[in-house]
Amino acid sequence: MKKFLALAIITLIVIACNREDDLLPVAEISEELKISSTTGIKLETPFVTESVEVNAKIQDSGIYTIRIFDISNRVVSKEDTFLKQGDNIIEINTNILPRSAYRISLSTKEGFILGVTDFNKL
């Protein structure tokens, strides 16, 4: 009986120690956010109101900079963020931005631009 109990406890510990991310399904990237090249940035839609999803695709994991420029090419938002290799879906809050046209860029910490795209805040 003691052996059975010990075996049951060990089995439960092994099951409980499994990595949860191995058990979760991999999310599909929607057609609107797919990027065919190895790097770049793509918006879910060019017309946004409160927020928009962005796919930032990179080759090497690391810290990257996302900037939003207004129509006069001034930086209105800048954020350094850690991105993993491949597709990275990020939600950007545009609620605070006034109605206008904007440009969003993805660049390395050294300033090398990996992608640029435009959007309109409605």
PDB file of N, CA and C in Angstrom:
ATOM      1  N   MET A   1       0.811  -1.177   0.000  1.00  0.00           N
ATOM      2  CA  MET A   1       0.000   0.000   0.000  1.00  0.00           C
ATOM      3  C   MET A   1       0.868   1.258   0.000  1.00  0.00           C
ATOM      4  N   LYS A   2       1.992   1.233   0.763  1.00  0.00           N
ATOM      5  CA  LYS A   2       2.893   2.377   0.818  1.00  0.00           C
ATOM      6  C   LYS A   2       3.525   2.642  -0.543  1.00  0.00           C
ATOM      7  N   LYS A   3       3.863   1.570  -1.268  1.00  0.00           N
ATOM      8  CA  LYS A   3       4.466   1.737  -2.594  1.00  0.00           C
ATOM      9  C   LYS A   3       3.463   2.373  -3.556  1.00  0.00           C
ATOM     10  N   PHE A   4       2.218   1.933  -3.487  1.00  0.00           N
ATOM     11  CA  PHE A   4       1.174   2.488  -4.349  1.00  0.00           C
ATOM     12  C   PHE A   4       0.980   3.971  -4.064  1.00  0.00           C
ATOM     13  N   LEU A   5       0.938   4.349  -2.782  1.00  0.00           N
ATOM     14  CA  LEU A   5       0.757   5.736  -2.380  1.00  0.00           C
ATOM     15  C   LEU A   5       1.942   6.588  -2.839  1.00  0.00           C
ATOM     16  N   ALA A   6       3.169   6.071  -2.673  1.00  0.00           N
ATOM     17  CA  ALA A   6       4.367   6.794  -3.099  1.00  0.00           C
ATOM     18  C   ALA A   6       4.363   6.981  -4.619  1.00  0.00           C
ATOM     19  N   LEU A   7       3.977   5.944  -5.370  1.00  0.00           N
ATOM     20  CA  LEU A   7       3.913   6.026  -6.821  1.00  0.00           C
ATOM     21  C   LEU A   7       2.861   7.047  -7.263  1.00  0.00           C
ATOM     22  N   ALA A   8       1.733   7.086  -6.590  1.00  0.00           N
ATOM     23  CA  ALA A   8       0.676   8.042  -6.911  1.00  0.00           C
ATOM     24  C   ALA A   8       1.148   9.472  -6.658  1.00  0.00           C
ATOM     25  N   ILE A   9       1.847   9.706  -5.559  1.00  0.00           N
ATOM     26  CA  ILE A   9       2.343  11.043  -5.226  1.00  0.00           C
ATOM     27  C   ILE A   9       3.388  11.489  -6.245  1.00  0.00           C
ATOM     28  N   ILE A  10       4.308  10.619  -6.606  1.00  0.00           N
ATOM     29  CA  ILE A  10       5.335  10.948  -7.589  1.00  0.00           C
ATOM     30  C   ILE A  10       4.698  11.260  -8.938  1.00  0.00           C
ATOM     31  N   THR A  11       3.705  10.476  -9.329  1.00  0.00           N
ATOM     32  CA  THR A  11       3.010  10.715 -10.599  1.00  0.00           C
ATOM     33  C   THR A  11       2.334  12.081 -10.590  1.00  0.00           C
ATOM     34  N   LEU A  12       1.681  12.434  -9.501  1.00  0.00           N
ATOM     35  CA  LEU A  12       1.028  13.742  -9.397  1.00  0.00           C
ATOM     36  C   LEU A  12       2.038  14.877  -9.461  1.00  0.00           C
ATOM     37  N   ILE A  13       3.176  14.719  -8.825  1.00  0.00           N
ATOM     38  CA  ILE A  13       4.219  15.756  -8.865  1.00  0.00           C
ATOM     39  C   ILE A  13       4.735  15.938 -10.276  1.00  0.00           C
ATOM     40  N   VAL A  14       4.999  14.848 -10.981  1.00  0.00           N
ATOM     41  CA  VAL A  14       5.493  14.931 -12.356  1.00  0.00           C
ATOM     42  C   VAL A  14       4.471  15.612 -13.254  1.00  0.00           C
ATOM     43  N   ILE A  15       3.211  15.265 -13.112  1.00  0.00           N
ATOM     44  CA  ILE A  15       2.158  15.885 -13.921  1.00  0.00           C
ATOM     45  C   ILE A  15       2.036  17.368 -13.592  1.00  0.00           C
ATOM     46  N   ALA A  16       2.113  17.720 -12.317  1.00  0.00           N
ATOM     47  CA  ALA A  16       1.977  19.118 -11.898  1.00  0.00           C
ATOM     48  C   ALA A  16       3.154  19.966 -12.348  1.00  0.00           C
ATOM     49  N   CYS A  17       4.304  19.370 -12.563  1.00  0.00           N
ATOM     50  CA  CYS A  17       5.497  20.113 -12.954  1.00  0.00           C
ATOM     51  C   CYS A  17       5.609  20.300 -14.464  1.00  0.00           C
ATOM     52  N   ASN A  18       4.698  19.737 -15.235  1.00  0.00           N
ATOM     53  CA  ASN A  18       4.725  19.958 -16.678  1.00  0.00           C
ATOM     54  C   ASN A  18       4.606  21.431 -16.974  1.00  0.00           C
ATOM     55  N   ARG A  19       5.309  21.903 -17.984  1.00  0.00           N
ATOM     56  CA  ARG A  19       5.216  23.303 -18.379  1.00  0.00           C
ATOM     57  C   ARG A  19       3.855  23.552 -19.009  1.00  0.00           C
ATOM     58  N   GLU A  20       3.173  24.572 -18.524  1.00  0.00           N
ATOM     59  CA  GLU A  20       1.832  24.876 -19.013  1.00  0.00           C
ATOM     60  C   GLU A  20       1.833  25.318 -20.458  1.00  0.00           C
ATOM     61  N   ASP A  21       2.900  26.066 -20.900  1.00  0.00           N
ATOM     62  CA  ASP A  21       2.896  26.552 -22.272  1.00  0.00           C
ATOM     63  C   ASP A  21       3.023  25.407 -23.283  1.00  0.00           C
ATOM     64  N   ASP A  22       3.499  24.257 -22.857  1.00  0.00           N
ATOM     65  CA  ASP A  22       3.540  23.101 -23.756  1.00  0.00           C
ATOM     66  C   ASP A  22       2.134  22.570 -24.018  1.00  0.00           C
ATOM     67  N   LEU A  23       1.220  22.817 -23.099  1.00  0.00           N
ATOM     68  CA  LEU A  23      -0.122  22.294 -23.220  1.00  0.00           C
ATOM     69  C   LEU A  23      -1.079  23.246 -23.922  1.00  0.00           C
ATOM     70  N   LEU A  24      -0.705  24.526 -24.051  1.00  0.00           N
ATOM     71  CA  LEU A  24      -1.587  25.503 -24.665  1.00  0.00           C
ATOM     72  C   LEU A  24      -1.460  25.475 -26.181  1.00  0.00           C
ATOM     73  N   PRO A  25      -2.568  25.660 -26.909  1.00  0.00           N
ATOM     74  CA  PRO A  25      -2.481  25.694 -28.367  1.00  0.00           C
ATOM     75  C   PRO A  25      -1.798  26.968 -28.844  1.00  0.00           C
ATOM     76  N   VAL A  26      -1.129  26.893 -29.985  1.00  0.00           N
ATOM     77  CA  VAL A  26      -0.467  28.046 -30.573  1.00  0.00           C
ATOM     78  C   VAL A  26      -1.509  28.882 -31.299  1.00  0.00           C
ATOM     79  N   ALA A  27      -1.549  30.167 -30.997  1.00  0.00           N
ATOM     80  CA  ALA A  27      -2.532  31.055 -31.624  1.00  0.00           C
ATOM     81  C   ALA A  27      -2.128  31.331 -33.069  1.00  0.00           C
ATOM     82  N   GLU A  28      -3.100  31.327 -33.933  1.00  0.00           N
ATOM     83  CA  GLU A  28      -2.877  31.634 -35.346  1.00  0.00           C
ATOM     84  C   GLU A  28      -2.821  33.145 -35.533  1.00  0.00           C
ATOM     85  N   ILE A  29      -1.992  33.604 -36.440  1.00  0.00           N
ATOM     86  CA  ILE A  29      -1.929  35.012 -36.807  1.00  0.00           C
ATOM     87  C   ILE A  29      -3.017  35.255 -37.850  1.00  0.00           C
ATOM     88  N   SER A  30      -3.858  36.273 -37.622  1.00  0.00           N
ATOM     89  CA  SER A  30      -4.936  36.563 -38.565  1.00  0.00           C
ATOM     90  C   SER A  30      -4.362  37.052 -39.889  1.00  0.00           C
ATOM     91  N   GLU A  31      -5.148  36.914 -40.941  1.00  0.00           N
ATOM     92  CA  GLU A  31      -4.722  37.330 -42.285  1.00  0.00           C
ATOM     93  C   GLU A  31      -4.330  38.802 -42.317  1.00  0.00           C
ATOM     94  N   GLU A  32      -5.062  39.639 -41.548  1.00  0.00           N
ATOM     95  CA  GLU A  32      -4.788  41.077 -41.532  1.00  0.00           C
ATOM     96  C   GLU A  32      -3.412  41.395 -40.963  1.00  0.00           C
ATOM     97  N   LEU A  33      -2.879  40.509 -40.119  1.00  0.00           N
ATOM     98  CA  LEU A  33      -1.610  40.773 -39.447  1.00  0.00           C
ATOM     99  C   LEU A  33      -0.434  39.954 -39.978  1.00  0.00           C
ATOM    100  N   LYS A  34      -0.651  39.106 -40.976  1.00  0.00           N
ATOM    101  CA  LYS A  34       0.445  38.281 -41.505  1.00  0.00           C
ATOM    102  C   LYS A  34       1.444  39.144 -42.266  1.00  0.00           C
ATOM    103  N   ILE A  35       2.720  38.849 -42.025  1.00  0.00           N
ATOM    104  CA  ILE A  35       3.822  39.522 -42.714  1.00  0.00           C
ATOM    105  C   ILE A  35       4.608  38.456 -43.457  1.00  0.00           C
ATOM    106  N   SER A  36       4.764  38.635 -44.773  1.00  0.00           N
ATOM    107  CA  SER A  36       5.451  37.617 -45.572  1.00  0.00           C
ATOM    108  C   SER A  36       6.972  37.734 -45.489  1.00  0.00           C
ATOM    109  N   SER A  37       7.508  38.929 -45.230  1.00  0.00           N
ATOM    110  CA  SER A  37       8.955  39.097 -45.134  1.00  0.00           C
ATOM    111  C   SER A  37       9.454  38.659 -43.752  1.00  0.00           C
ATOM    112  N   THR A  38      10.759  38.665 -43.563  1.00  0.00           N
ATOM    113  CA  THR A  38      11.340  38.195 -42.302  1.00  0.00           C
ATOM    114  C   THR A  38      11.254  39.227 -41.187  1.00  0.00           C
ATOM    115  N   THR A  39      11.127  40.501 -41.528  1.00  0.00           N
ATOM    116  CA  THR A  39      10.969  41.556 -40.527  1.00  0.00           C
ATOM    117  C   THR A  39       9.953  42.573 -41.025  1.00  0.00           C
ATOM    118  N   GLY A  40       9.392  43.310 -40.100  1.00  0.00           N
ATOM    119  CA  GLY A  40       8.481  44.380 -40.478  1.00  0.00           C
ATOM    120  C   GLY A  40       7.433  44.641 -39.416  1.00  0.00           C
ATOM    121  N   ILE A  41       6.544  45.566 -39.753  1.00  0.00           N
ATOM    122  CA  ILE A  41       5.458  45.929 -38.861  1.00  0.00           C
ATOM    123  C   ILE A  41       4.205  46.086 -39.702  1.00  0.00           C
ATOM    124  N   LYS A  42       3.077  45.586 -39.176  1.00  0.00           N
ATOM    125  CA  LYS A  42       1.820  45.640 -39.916  1.00  0.00           C
ATOM    126  C   LYS A  42       0.676  45.866 -38.953  1.00  0.00           C
ATOM    127  N   LEU A  43      -0.211  46.785 -39.331  1.00  0.00           N
ATOM    128  CA  LEU A  43      -1.385  47.097 -38.527  1.00  0.00           C
ATOM    129  C   LEU A  43      -2.546  46.216 -38.928  1.00  0.00           C
ATOM    130  N   GLU A  44      -3.407  45.942 -37.960  1.00  0.00           N
ATOM    131  CA  GLU A  44      -4.631  45.177 -38.205  1.00  0.00           C
ATOM    132  C   GLU A  44      -5.532  45.918 -39.196  1.00  0.00           C
ATOM    133  N   THR A  45      -5.594  47.243 -39.080  1.00  0.00           N
ATOM    134  CA  THR A  45      -6.399  48.077 -39.950  1.00  0.00           C
ATOM    135  C   THR A  45      -5.768  49.470 -40.017  1.00  0.00           C
ATOM    136  N   PRO A  46      -5.867  50.168 -41.146  1.00  0.00           N
ATOM    137  CA  PRO A  46      -5.295  51.515 -41.230  1.00  0.00           C
ATOM    138  C   PRO A  46      -6.183  52.594 -40.604  1.00  0.00           C
ATOM    139  N   PHE A  47      -7.402  52.238 -40.213  1.00  0.00           N
ATOM    140  CA  PHE A  47      -8.332  53.188 -39.607  1.00  0.00           C
ATOM    141  C   PHE A  47      -8.622  52.743 -38.180  1.00  0.00           C
ATOM    142  N   VAL A  48      -8.167  53.526 -37.213  1.00  0.00           N
ATOM    143  CA  VAL A  48      -8.275  53.121 -35.815  1.00  0.00           C
ATOM    144  C   VAL A  48      -9.073  54.139 -35.008  1.00  0.00           C
ATOM    145  N   THR A  49      -9.623  53.666 -33.884  1.00  0.00           N
ATOM    146  CA  THR A  49     -10.334  54.559 -32.973  1.00  0.00           C
ATOM    147  C   THR A  49      -9.645  54.536 -31.607  1.00  0.00           C
ATOM    148  N   GLU A  50      -9.907  53.525 -30.793  1.00  0.00           N
ATOM    149  CA  GLU A  50      -9.360  53.482 -29.430  1.00  0.00           C
ATOM    150  C   GLU A  50      -8.055  52.696 -29.314  1.00  0.00           C
ATOM    151  N   SER A  51      -7.921  51.624 -30.099  1.00  0.00           N
ATOM    152  CA  SER A  51      -6.705  50.812 -30.060  1.00  0.00           C
ATOM    153  C   SER A  51      -6.590  50.032 -31.359  1.00  0.00           C
ATOM    154  N   VAL A  52      -5.409  49.502 -31.601  1.00  0.00           N
ATOM    155  CA  VAL A  52      -5.166  48.709 -32.806  1.00  0.00           C
ATOM    156  C   VAL A  52      -4.129  47.639 -32.481  1.00  0.00           C
ATOM    157  N   GLU A  53      -4.313  46.457 -33.076  1.00  0.00           N
ATOM    158  CA  GLU A  53      -3.316  45.397 -32.934  1.00  0.00           C
ATOM    159  C   GLU A  53      -2.261  45.558 -34.026  1.00  0.00           C
ATOM    160  N   VAL A  54      -1.027  45.289 -33.631  1.00  0.00           N
ATOM    161  CA  VAL A  54       0.119  45.430 -34.526  1.00  0.00           C
ATOM    162  C   VAL A  54       0.925  44.148 -34.469  1.00  0.00           C
ATOM    163  N   ASN A  55       1.404  43.695 -35.631  1.00  0.00           N
ATOM    164  CA  ASN A  55       2.331  42.572 -35.679  1.00  0.00           C
ATOM    165  C   ASN A  55       3.716  43.141 -35.921  1.00  0.00           C
ATOM    166  N   ALA A  56       4.620  42.943 -34.977  1.00  0.00           N
ATOM    167  CA  ALA A  56       6.012  43.339 -35.120  1.00  0.00           C
ATOM    168  C   ALA A  56       6.815  42.054 -35.309  1.00  0.00           C
ATOM    169  N   LYS A  57       7.281  41.832 -36.530  1.00  0.00           N
ATOM    170  CA  LYS A  57       7.998  40.595 -36.848  1.00  0.00           C
ATOM    171  C   LYS A  57       9.492  40.881 -36.954  1.00  0.00           C
ATOM    172  N   ILE A  58      10.285  40.084 -36.214  1.00  0.00           N
ATOM    173  CA  ILE A  58      11.730  40.288 -36.186  1.00  0.00           C
ATOM    174  C   ILE A  58      12.462  38.958 -36.325  1.00  0.00           C
ATOM    175  N   GLN A  59      13.752  39.056 -36.641  1.00  0.00           N
ATOM    176  CA  GLN A  59      14.567  37.850 -36.805  1.00  0.00           C
ATOM    177  C   GLN A  59      15.235  37.410 -35.502  1.00  0.00           C
ATOM    178  N   ASP A  60      15.624  38.358 -34.662  1.00  0.00           N
ATOM    179  CA  ASP A  60      16.354  38.034 -33.428  1.00  0.00           C
ATOM    180  C   ASP A  60      15.647  38.640 -32.228  1.00  0.00           C
ATOM    181  N   SER A  61      15.488  37.866 -31.171  1.00  0.00           N
ATOM    182  CA  SER A  61      14.884  38.374 -29.940  1.00  0.00           C
ATOM    183  C   SER A  61      15.726  39.497 -29.363  1.00  0.00           C
ATOM    184  N   GLY A  62      15.053  40.456 -28.728  1.00  0.00           N
ATOM    185  CA  GLY A  62      15.785  41.558 -28.110  1.00  0.00           C
ATOM    186  C   GLY A  62      14.891  42.747 -27.854  1.00  0.00           C
ATOM    187  N   ILE A  63      15.509  43.864 -27.491  1.00  0.00           N
ATOM    188  CA  ILE A  63      14.799  45.109 -27.224  1.00  0.00           C
ATOM    189  C   ILE A  63      14.698  45.900 -28.529  1.00  0.00           C
ATOM    190  N   TYR A  64      13.476  46.307 -28.861  1.00  0.00           N
ATOM    191  CA  TYR A  64      13.214  47.087 -30.068  1.00  0.00           C
ATOM    192  C   TYR A  64      12.400  48.321 -29.698  1.00  0.00           C
ATOM    193  N   THR A  65      12.416  49.325 -30.570  1.00  0.00           N
ATOM    194  CA  THR A  65      11.721  50.579 -30.316  1.00  0.00           C
ATOM    195  C   THR A  65      10.565  50.745 -31.293  1.00  0.00           C
ATOM    196  N   ILE A  66       9.405  51.077 -30.742  1.00  0.00           N
ATOM    197  CA  ILE A  66       8.227  51.385 -31.557  1.00  0.00           C
ATOM    198  C   ILE A  66       7.940  52.867 -31.356  1.00  0.00           C
ATOM    199  N   ARG A  67       7.902  53.608 -32.468  1.00  0.00           N
ATOM    200  CA  ARG A  67       7.636  55.045 -32.416  1.00  0.00           C
ATOM    201  C   ARG A  67       6.394  55.365 -33.232  1.00  0.00           C
ATOM    202  N   ILE A  68       5.631  56.341 -32.737  1.00  0.00           N
ATOM    203  CA  ILE A  68       4.501  56.866 -33.496  1.00  0.00           C
ATOM    204  C   ILE A  68       4.815  58.326 -33.803  1.00  0.00           C
ATOM    205  N   PHE A  69       4.721  58.694 -35.087  1.00  0.00           N
ATOM    206  CA  PHE A  69       4.996  60.048 -35.551  1.00  0.00           C
ATOM    207  C   PHE A  69       3.687  60.702 -35.983  1.00  0.00           C
ATOM    208  N   ASP A  70       3.563  62.018 -35.715  1.00  0.00           N
ATOM    209  CA  ASP A  70       2.387  62.729 -36.202  1.00  0.00           C
ATOM    210  C   ASP A  70       2.620  63.183 -37.645  1.00  0.00           C
ATOM    211  N   ILE A  71       1.670  63.936 -38.188  1.00  0.00           N
ATOM    212  CA  ILE A  71       1.721  64.336 -39.591  1.00  0.00           C
ATOM    213  C   ILE A  71       2.912  65.254 -39.899  1.00  0.00           C
ATOM    214  N   SER A  72       3.430  65.950 -38.885  1.00  0.00           N
ATOM    215  CA  SER A  72       4.601  66.815 -39.090  1.00  0.00           C
ATOM    216  C   SER A  72       5.911  66.090 -38.756  1.00  0.00           C
ATOM    217  N   ASN A  73       5.839  64.764 -38.626  1.00  0.00           N
ATOM    218  CA  ASN A  73       6.993  63.887 -38.397  1.00  0.00           C
ATOM    219  C   ASN A  73       7.636  64.063 -37.018  1.00  0.00           C
ATOM    220  N   ARG A  74       6.844  64.536 -36.048  1.00  0.00           N
ATOM    221  CA  ARG A  74       7.308  64.611 -34.668  1.00  0.00           C
ATOM    222  C   ARG A  74       6.926  63.331 -33.945  1.00  0.00           C
ATOM    223  N   VAL A  75       7.810  62.849 -33.073  1.00  0.00           N
ATOM    224  CA  VAL A  75       7.528  61.650 -32.282  1.00  0.00           C
ATOM    225  C   VAL A  75       6.509  62.008 -31.197  1.00  0.00           C
ATOM    226  N   VAL A  76       5.347  61.333 -31.232  1.00  0.00           N
ATOM    227  CA  VAL A  76       4.321  61.560 -30.215  1.00  0.00           C
ATOM    228  C   VAL A  76       4.273  60.419 -29.201  1.00  0.00           C
ATOM    229  N   SER A  77       4.887  59.294 -29.536  1.00  0.00           N
ATOM    230  CA  SER A  77       4.953  58.159 -28.623  1.00  0.00           C
ATOM    231  C   SER A  77       6.177  57.323 -28.968  1.00  0.00           C
ATOM    232  N   LYS A  78       6.861  56.856 -27.933  1.00  0.00           N
ATOM    233  CA  LYS A  78       8.049  56.007 -28.121  1.00  0.00           C
ATOM    234  C   LYS A  78       8.075  54.991 -27.004  1.00  0.00           C
ATOM    235  N   GLU A  79       8.251  53.725 -27.383  1.00  0.00           N
ATOM    236  CA  GLU A  79       8.321  52.681 -26.364  1.00  0.00           C
ATOM    237  C   GLU A  79       9.352  51.640 -26.756  1.00  0.00           C
ATOM    238  N   ASP A  80      10.236  51.317 -25.816  1.00  0.00           N
ATOM    239  CA  ASP A  80      11.169  50.215 -25.982  1.00  0.00           C
ATOM    240  C   ASP A  80      10.502  48.980 -25.415  1.00  0.00           C
ATOM    241  N   THR A  81      10.533  47.880 -26.171  1.00  0.00           N
ATOM    242  CA  THR A  81       9.871  46.658 -25.727  1.00  0.00           C
ATOM    243  C   THR A  81      10.682  45.443 -26.140  1.00  0.00           C
ATOM    244  N   PHE A  82      10.584  44.394 -25.331  1.00  0.00           N
ATOM    245  CA  PHE A  82      11.258  43.131 -25.662  1.00  0.00           C
ATOM    246  C   PHE A  82      10.373  42.359 -26.634  1.00  0.00           C
ATOM    247  N   LEU A  83      10.949  41.951 -27.756  1.00  0.00           N
ATOM    248  CA  LEU A  83      10.234  41.154 -28.747  1.00  0.00           C
ATOM    249  C   LEU A  83      10.957  39.834 -28.932  1.00  0.00           C
ATOM    250  N   LYS A  84      10.175  38.776 -29.099  1.00  0.00           N
ATOM    251  CA  LYS A  84      10.747  37.454 -29.365  1.00  0.00           C
ATOM    252  C   LYS A  84      10.904  37.270 -30.871  1.00  0.00           C
ATOM    253  N   GLN A  85      11.689  36.309 -31.261  1.00  0.00           N
ATOM    254  CA  GLN A  85      11.899  36.027 -32.675  1.00  0.00           C
ATOM    255  C   GLN A  85      10.573  35.640 -33.320  1.00  0.00           C
ATOM    256  N   GLY A  86      10.310  36.171 -34.506  1.00  0.00           N
ATOM    257  CA  GLY A  86       9.083  35.858 -35.230  1.00  0.00           C
ATOM    258  C   GLY A  86       8.018  36.914 -35.009  1.00  0.00           C
ATOM    259  N   ASP A  87       6.749  36.478 -35.021  1.00  0.00           N
ATOM    260  CA  ASP A  87       5.608  37.382 -34.898  1.00  0.00           C
ATOM    261  C   ASP A  87       5.356  37.764 -33.441  1.00  0.00           C
ATOM    262  N   ASN A  88       5.086  39.046 -33.218  1.00  0.00           N
ATOM    263  CA  ASN A  88       4.751  39.580 -31.898  1.00  0.00           C
ATOM    264  C   ASN A  88       3.512  40.451 -32.047  1.00  0.00           C
ATOM    265  N   ILE A  89       2.399  40.013 -31.493  1.00  0.00           N
ATOM    266  CA  ILE A  89       1.160  40.783 -31.570  1.00  0.00           C
ATOM    267  C   ILE A  89       1.109  41.722 -30.371  1.00  0.00           C
ATOM    268  N   ILE A  90       1.003  43.017 -30.667  1.00  0.00           N
ATOM    269  CA  ILE A  90       1.003  44.053 -29.642  1.00  0.00           C
ATOM    270  C   ILE A  90      -0.249  44.895 -29.834  1.00  0.00           C
ATOM    271  N   GLU A  91      -0.909  45.232 -28.736  1.00  0.00           N
ATOM    272  CA  GLU A  91      -2.053  46.137 -28.815  1.00  0.00           C
ATOM    273  C   GLU A  91      -1.581  47.532 -28.428  1.00  0.00           C
ATOM    274  N   ILE A  92      -1.834  48.498 -29.315  1.00  0.00           N
ATOM    275  CA  ILE A  92      -1.422  49.878 -29.075  1.00  0.00           C
ATOM    276  C   ILE A  92      -2.661  50.715 -28.792  1.00  0.00           C
ATOM    277  N   ASN A  93      -2.632  51.413 -27.663  1.00  0.00           N
ATOM    278  CA  ASN A  93      -3.738  52.275 -27.271  1.00  0.00           C
ATOM    279  C   ASN A  93      -3.589  53.611 -28.009  1.00  0.00           C
ATOM    280  N   THR A  94      -4.561  53.939 -28.848  1.00  0.00           N
ATOM    281  CA  THR A  94      -4.539  55.189 -29.603  1.00  0.00           C
ATOM    282  C   THR A  94      -5.603  56.159 -29.103  1.00  0.00           C
ATOM    283  N   ASN A  95      -6.230  55.841 -27.988  1.00  0.00           N
ATOM    284  CA  ASN A  95      -7.329  56.638 -27.455  1.00  0.00           C
ATOM    285  C   ASN A  95      -6.918  58.080 -27.162  1.00  0.00           C
ATOM    286  N   ILE A  96      -5.694  58.303 -26.725  1.00  0.00           N
ATOM    287  CA  ILE A  96      -5.236  59.631 -26.344  1.00  0.00           C
ATOM    288  C   ILE A  96      -4.858  60.495 -27.556  1.00  0.00           C
ATOM    289  N   LEU A  97      -4.615  59.872 -28.697  1.00  0.00           N
ATOM    290  CA  LEU A  97      -4.204  60.619 -29.891  1.00  0.00           C
ATOM    291  C   LEU A  97      -5.373  61.391 -30.494  1.00  0.00           C
ATOM    292  N   PRO A  98      -5.148  62.644 -30.904  1.00  0.00           N
ATOM    293  CA  PRO A  98      -6.212  63.370 -31.601  1.00  0.00           C
ATOM    294  C   PRO A  98      -6.409  62.816 -33.010  1.00  0.00           C
ATOM    295  N   ARG A  99      -7.544  63.114 -33.612  1.00  0.00           N
ATOM    296  CA  ARG A  99      -7.817  62.669 -34.980  1.00  0.00           C
ATOM    297  C   ARG A  99      -6.787  63.257 -35.928  1.00  0.00           C
ATOM    298  N   SER A 100      -6.131  62.385 -36.674  1.00  0.00           N
ATOM    299  CA  SER A 100      -5.107  62.811 -37.620  1.00  0.00           C
ATOM    300  C   SER A 100      -4.512  61.582 -38.289  1.00  0.00           C
ATOM    301  N   ALA A 101      -3.536  61.816 -39.151  1.00  0.00           N
ATOM    302  CA  ALA A 101      -2.776  60.740 -39.784  1.00  0.00           C
ATOM    303  C   ALA A 101      -1.484  60.536 -38.999  1.00  0.00           C
ATOM    304  N   TYR A 102      -1.072  59.280 -38.864  1.00  0.00           N
ATOM    305  CA  TYR A 102       0.128  58.949 -38.101  1.00  0.00           C
ATOM    306  C   TYR A 102       0.961  57.909 -38.852  1.00  0.00           C
ATOM    307  N   ARG A 103       2.212  57.837 -38.463  1.00  0.00           N
ATOM    308  CA  ARG A 103       3.134  56.820 -38.989  1.00  0.00           C
ATOM    309  C   ARG A 103       3.713  56.093 -37.791  1.00  0.00           C
ATOM    310  N   ILE A 104       3.812  54.769 -37.897  1.00  0.00           N
ATOM    311  CA  ILE A 104       4.379  53.956 -36.817  1.00  0.00           C
ATOM    312  C   ILE A 104       5.597  53.224 -37.373  1.00  0.00           C
ATOM    313  N   SER A 105       6.674  53.184 -36.589  1.00  0.00           N
ATOM    314  CA  SER A 105       7.903  52.533 -37.056  1.00  0.00           C
ATOM    315  C   SER A 105       8.417  51.548 -36.017  1.00  0.00           C
ATOM    316  N   LEU A 106       9.100  50.536 -36.511  1.00  0.00           N
ATOM    317  CA  LEU A 106       9.773  49.536 -35.694  1.00  0.00           C
ATOM    318  C   LEU A 106      11.252  49.629 -36.006  1.00  0.00           C
ATOM    319  N   SER A 107      12.070  49.807 -34.970  1.00  0.00           N
ATOM    320  CA  SER A 107      13.507  49.928 -35.203  1.00  0.00           C
ATOM    321  C   SER A 107      14.293  49.225 -34.104  1.00  0.00           C
ATOM    322  N   THR A 108      15.557  48.987 -34.395  1.00  0.00           N
ATOM    323  CA  THR A 108      16.460  48.403 -33.407  1.00  0.00           C
ATOM    324  C   THR A 108      16.858  49.497 -32.416  1.00  0.00           C
ATOM    325  N   LYS A 109      17.475  49.121 -31.311  1.00  0.00           N
ATOM    326  CA  LYS A 109      17.944  50.101 -30.326  1.00  0.00           C
ATOM    327  C   LYS A 109      18.968  51.053 -30.940  1.00  0.00           C
ATOM    328  N   GLU A 110      19.668  50.583 -31.967  1.00  0.00           N
ATOM    329  CA  GLU A 110      20.676  51.407 -32.621  1.00  0.00           C
ATOM    330  C   GLU A 110      20.063  52.370 -33.637  1.00  0.00           C
ATOM    331  N   GLY A 111      18.759  52.253 -33.894  1.00  0.00           N
ATOM    332  CA  GLY A 111      18.074  53.167 -34.800  1.00  0.00           C
ATOM    333  C   GLY A 111      17.841  52.641 -36.206  1.00  0.00           C
ATOM    334  N   PHE A 112      18.226  51.396 -36.497  1.00  0.00           N
ATOM    335  CA  PHE A 112      18.005  50.819 -37.824  1.00  0.00           C
ATOM    336  C   PHE A 112      16.517  50.497 -37.975  1.00  0.00           C
ATOM    337  N   ILE A 113      15.868  51.099 -38.959  1.00  0.00           N
ATOM    338  CA  ILE A 113      14.425  50.938 -39.147  1.00  0.00           C
ATOM    339  C   ILE A 113      14.129  49.610 -39.842  1.00  0.00           C
ATOM    340  N   LEU A 114      13.276  48.793 -39.203  1.00  0.00           N
ATOM    341  CA  LEU A 114      12.895  47.487 -39.733  1.00  0.00           C
ATOM    342  C   LEU A 114      11.569  47.527 -40.481  1.00  0.00           C
ATOM    343  N   GLY A 115      10.755  48.537 -40.207  1.00  0.00           N
ATOM    344  CA  GLY A 115       9.471  48.642 -40.879  1.00  0.00           C
ATOM    345  C   GLY A 115       8.752  49.919 -40.505  1.00  0.00           C
ATOM    346  N   VAL A 116       7.920  50.402 -41.442  1.00  0.00           N
ATOM    347  CA  VAL A 116       7.129  51.617 -41.234  1.00  0.00           C
ATOM    348  C   VAL A 116       5.780  51.403 -41.882  1.00  0.00           C
ATOM    349  N   THR A 117       4.716  51.902 -41.221  1.00  0.00           N
ATOM    350  CA  THR A 117       3.383  51.847 -41.805  1.00  0.00           C
ATOM    351  C   THR A 117       2.579  53.027 -41.287  1.00  0.00           C
ATOM    352  N   ASP A 118       1.513  53.370 -41.987  1.00  0.00           N
ATOM    353  CA  ASP A 118       0.699  54.536 -41.649  1.00  0.00           C
ATOM    354  C   ASP A 118      -0.685  54.112 -41.162  1.00  0.00           C
ATOM    355  N   PHE A 119      -1.302  54.999 -40.357  1.00  0.00           N
ATOM    356  CA  PHE A 119      -2.689  54.778 -39.950  1.00  0.00           C
ATOM    357  C   PHE A 119      -3.368  56.119 -39.725  1.00  0.00           C
ATOM    358  N   ASN A 120      -4.673  56.097 -39.741  1.00  0.00           N
ATOM    359  CA  ASN A 120      -5.492  57.280 -39.502  1.00  0.00           C
ATOM    360  C   ASN A 120      -6.301  57.073 -38.234  1.00  0.00           C
ATOM    361  N   LYS A 121      -6.219  58.025 -37.329  1.00  0.00           N
ATOM    362  CA  LYS A 121      -7.012  57.998 -36.099  1.00  0.00           C
ATOM    363  C   LYS A 121      -8.349  58.671 -36.406  1.00  0.00           C
ATOM    364  N   LEU A 122      -9.428  57.949 -36.243  1.00  0.00           N
ATOM    365  CA  LEU A 122     -10.763  58.477 -36.511  1.00  0.00           C
ATOM    366  C   LEU A 122     -11.394  59.045 -35.262  1.00  0.00           C
TER     367      LEU A 122
END
